[in-house]
């Protein structure tokens, strides 16, 4: 049986762009702690406005930021 997980790729994207969490916080107007929370694999509740702000600041589509992956349950 396959289980689907949803993952936020923000940490990876910031590394690819050599951008710090603080820089993203300044670009988006989000609190630095909010950006840090989004970079954690345990992030589970996110406001749509936060997703929109991050996507706008990074000039990316939502499907570049949020991905779903299937994992096998044994």
N, C-alpha and C. Protein backbone atom coordinates (compact mmCIF):
# COMPACT_ATOMS: atom_id res chain seq x y z
N UNK A 1 0.84 -1.18 0.00
CA UNK A 1 0.00 0.00 0.00
C UNK A 1 0.88 1.24 0.00
N UNK A 2 0.52 2.24 -0.79
CA UNK A 2 1.29 3.46 -0.89
C UNK A 2 0.62 4.56 -0.08
N UNK A 3 1.42 5.29 0.67
CA UNK A 3 0.94 6.41 1.47
C UNK A 3 1.49 7.69 0.84
N UNK A 4 0.65 8.70 0.72
CA UNK A 4 1.08 9.98 0.14
C UNK A 4 1.45 10.95 1.25
N UNK A 5 2.62 11.57 1.10
CA UNK A 5 3.02 12.62 2.02
C UNK A 5 3.19 13.91 1.23
N UNK A 6 2.91 15.02 1.87
CA UNK A 6 3.07 16.33 1.27
C UNK A 6 4.25 17.00 1.95
N UNK A 7 5.13 17.56 1.13
CA UNK A 7 6.37 18.13 1.64
C UNK A 7 6.58 19.54 1.10
N UNK A 8 7.11 20.41 1.95
CA UNK A 8 7.45 21.77 1.54
C UNK A 8 8.94 21.80 1.24
N UNK A 9 9.30 22.27 0.07
CA UNK A 9 10.69 22.27 -0.39
C UNK A 9 11.43 23.58 -0.10
N UNK A 10 10.92 24.39 0.81
CA UNK A 10 11.48 25.72 1.01
C UNK A 10 12.96 25.70 1.38
N UNK A 11 13.35 24.83 2.27
CA UNK A 11 14.75 24.76 2.67
C UNK A 11 15.65 24.46 1.48
N UNK A 12 15.23 23.52 0.64
CA UNK A 12 16.00 23.17 -0.56
C UNK A 12 16.10 24.35 -1.53
N UNK A 13 14.99 25.03 -1.72
CA UNK A 13 14.96 26.16 -2.66
C UNK A 13 15.88 27.28 -2.17
N UNK A 14 15.85 27.55 -0.87
CA UNK A 14 16.72 28.60 -0.32
C UNK A 14 18.18 28.23 -0.52
N UNK A 15 18.54 26.97 -0.32
CA UNK A 15 19.93 26.52 -0.53
C UNK A 15 20.33 26.69 -1.99
N UNK A 16 19.44 26.29 -2.91
CA UNK A 16 19.72 26.41 -4.34
C UNK A 16 19.99 27.86 -4.74
N UNK A 17 19.32 28.79 -4.08
CA UNK A 17 19.44 30.21 -4.42
C UNK A 17 20.43 30.95 -3.54
N UNK A 18 21.10 30.22 -2.67
CA UNK A 18 22.06 30.84 -1.73
C UNK A 18 21.40 31.99 -0.97
N UNK A 19 20.20 31.74 -0.49
CA UNK A 19 19.42 32.75 0.22
C UNK A 19 19.20 32.28 1.65
N UNK A 20 19.26 33.21 2.57
CA UNK A 20 19.03 32.86 3.97
C UNK A 20 17.55 33.00 4.31
N UNK A 21 17.18 32.39 5.41
CA UNK A 21 15.80 32.51 5.89
C UNK A 21 15.48 33.96 6.22
N UNK A 22 16.45 34.65 6.78
CA UNK A 22 16.27 36.06 7.13
C UNK A 22 16.01 36.90 5.88
N UNK A 23 16.74 36.64 4.81
CA UNK A 23 16.53 37.38 3.57
C UNK A 23 15.12 37.15 3.04
N UNK A 24 14.65 35.91 3.11
CA UNK A 24 13.30 35.61 2.65
C UNK A 24 12.27 36.31 3.54
N UNK A 25 12.52 36.33 4.83
CA UNK A 25 11.60 37.01 5.74
C UNK A 25 11.49 38.50 5.38
N UNK A 26 12.60 39.12 5.07
CA UNK A 26 12.59 40.53 4.68
C UNK A 26 11.85 40.74 3.37
N UNK A 27 12.05 39.84 2.41
CA UNK A 27 11.37 39.94 1.10
C UNK A 27 9.86 39.77 1.21
N UNK A 28 9.43 38.88 2.09
CA UNK A 28 8.02 38.55 2.18
C UNK A 28 7.26 39.36 3.22
N UNK A 29 7.97 39.91 4.19
CA UNK A 29 7.30 40.58 5.29
C UNK A 29 6.81 39.60 6.35
N UNK A 30 7.21 38.33 6.21
CA UNK A 30 6.84 37.31 7.20
C UNK A 30 7.81 37.37 8.38
N UNK A 31 7.35 36.91 9.52
CA UNK A 31 8.24 36.83 10.68
C UNK A 31 9.31 35.78 10.41
N UNK A 32 10.54 36.03 10.85
CA UNK A 32 11.60 35.03 10.66
C UNK A 32 11.23 33.66 11.23
N UNK A 33 10.52 33.65 12.34
CA UNK A 33 10.12 32.36 12.92
C UNK A 33 9.14 31.61 12.02
N UNK A 34 8.31 32.35 11.29
CA UNK A 34 7.38 31.72 10.35
C UNK A 34 8.16 31.05 9.22
N UNK A 35 9.15 31.75 8.69
CA UNK A 35 9.98 31.19 7.62
C UNK A 35 10.72 29.96 8.13
N UNK A 36 11.27 30.04 9.33
CA UNK A 36 11.97 28.89 9.91
C UNK A 36 11.04 27.70 10.07
N UNK A 37 9.82 27.95 10.52
CA UNK A 37 8.85 26.87 10.67
C UNK A 37 8.55 26.20 9.34
N UNK A 38 8.48 26.98 8.27
CA UNK A 38 8.22 26.42 6.95
C UNK A 38 9.37 25.56 6.44
N UNK A 39 10.55 25.79 6.95
CA UNK A 39 11.72 25.02 6.53
C UNK A 39 11.84 23.69 7.26
N UNK A 40 11.03 23.49 8.29
CA UNK A 40 11.07 22.24 9.05
C UNK A 40 10.21 21.18 8.39
N UNK A 41 10.67 19.95 8.42
CA UNK A 41 9.87 18.87 7.81
C UNK A 41 8.57 18.60 8.56
N UNK A 42 8.44 19.12 9.78
CA UNK A 42 7.24 18.89 10.58
C UNK A 42 6.15 19.94 10.34
N UNK A 43 6.39 20.90 9.46
CA UNK A 43 5.38 21.93 9.19
C UNK A 43 4.10 21.26 8.71
N UNK A 44 2.99 21.62 9.33
CA UNK A 44 1.74 20.96 8.95
C UNK A 44 0.60 21.93 8.68
N UNK A 45 0.63 23.10 9.27
CA UNK A 45 -0.45 24.06 9.05
C UNK A 45 0.13 25.37 8.53
N UNK A 46 -0.32 25.72 7.35
CA UNK A 46 0.23 26.91 6.69
C UNK A 46 -0.91 27.71 6.10
N UNK A 47 -0.88 29.00 6.32
CA UNK A 47 -1.88 29.87 5.72
C UNK A 47 -1.63 30.01 4.22
N UNK A 48 -2.71 30.06 3.46
CA UNK A 48 -2.59 30.22 2.02
C UNK A 48 -1.89 31.54 1.68
N UNK A 49 -2.14 32.57 2.47
CA UNK A 49 -1.49 33.86 2.22
C UNK A 49 0.02 33.76 2.42
N UNK A 50 0.45 32.90 3.33
CA UNK A 50 1.89 32.68 3.54
C UNK A 50 2.51 31.99 2.34
N UNK A 51 1.82 30.98 1.83
CA UNK A 51 2.30 30.27 0.63
C UNK A 51 2.40 31.25 -0.54
N UNK A 52 1.37 32.08 -0.70
CA UNK A 52 1.36 33.05 -1.80
C UNK A 52 2.52 34.03 -1.66
N UNK A 53 2.79 34.51 -0.45
CA UNK A 53 3.88 35.47 -0.23
C UNK A 53 5.23 34.85 -0.57
N UNK A 54 5.43 33.60 -0.17
CA UNK A 54 6.69 32.91 -0.46
C UNK A 54 6.85 32.69 -1.97
N UNK A 55 5.80 32.21 -2.60
CA UNK A 55 5.86 31.98 -4.06
C UNK A 55 6.11 33.27 -4.82
N UNK A 56 5.46 34.35 -4.43
CA UNK A 56 5.67 35.64 -5.08
C UNK A 56 7.10 36.12 -4.90
N UNK A 57 7.61 36.04 -3.68
CA UNK A 57 8.96 36.53 -3.39
C UNK A 57 10.03 35.73 -4.14
N UNK A 58 9.81 34.43 -4.27
CA UNK A 58 10.79 33.57 -4.95
C UNK A 58 10.50 33.41 -6.44
N UNK A 59 9.39 33.97 -6.89
CA UNK A 59 8.96 33.87 -8.28
C UNK A 59 8.88 32.41 -8.72
N UNK A 60 8.14 31.63 -7.93
CA UNK A 60 7.95 30.21 -8.24
C UNK A 60 6.47 29.87 -8.19
N UNK A 61 6.11 28.75 -8.80
CA UNK A 61 4.74 28.25 -8.74
C UNK A 61 4.57 27.41 -7.47
N UNK A 62 3.34 27.27 -7.05
CA UNK A 62 3.05 26.51 -5.84
C UNK A 62 3.57 25.08 -5.94
N UNK A 63 3.45 24.48 -7.13
CA UNK A 63 3.90 23.09 -7.26
C UNK A 63 5.42 22.94 -7.22
N UNK A 64 6.15 24.04 -7.26
CA UNK A 64 7.59 23.99 -7.06
C UNK A 64 7.91 24.02 -5.56
N UNK A 65 7.03 24.64 -4.79
CA UNK A 65 7.22 24.77 -3.35
C UNK A 65 6.69 23.56 -2.59
N UNK A 66 5.52 23.08 -3.00
CA UNK A 66 4.86 21.99 -2.30
C UNK A 66 4.76 20.79 -3.23
N UNK A 67 5.27 19.66 -2.77
CA UNK A 67 5.23 18.44 -3.58
C UNK A 67 4.61 17.31 -2.78
N UNK A 68 3.99 16.38 -3.51
CA UNK A 68 3.48 15.17 -2.86
C UNK A 68 4.30 14.00 -3.34
N UNK A 69 4.56 13.08 -2.43
CA UNK A 69 5.37 11.92 -2.74
C UNK A 69 4.71 10.68 -2.19
N UNK A 70 4.80 9.61 -2.92
CA UNK A 70 4.27 8.34 -2.44
C UNK A 70 5.35 7.52 -1.79
N UNK A 71 5.03 6.94 -0.66
CA UNK A 71 5.98 6.04 0.00
C UNK A 71 5.29 4.71 0.24
N UNK A 72 6.04 3.65 0.15
CA UNK A 72 5.50 2.31 0.34
C UNK A 72 5.36 2.00 1.82
N UNK A 73 4.22 1.52 2.21
CA UNK A 73 3.99 1.02 3.57
C UNK A 73 4.20 -0.48 3.57
N UNK A 74 5.07 -0.94 4.40
CA UNK A 74 5.31 -2.39 4.49
C UNK A 74 4.80 -2.93 5.79
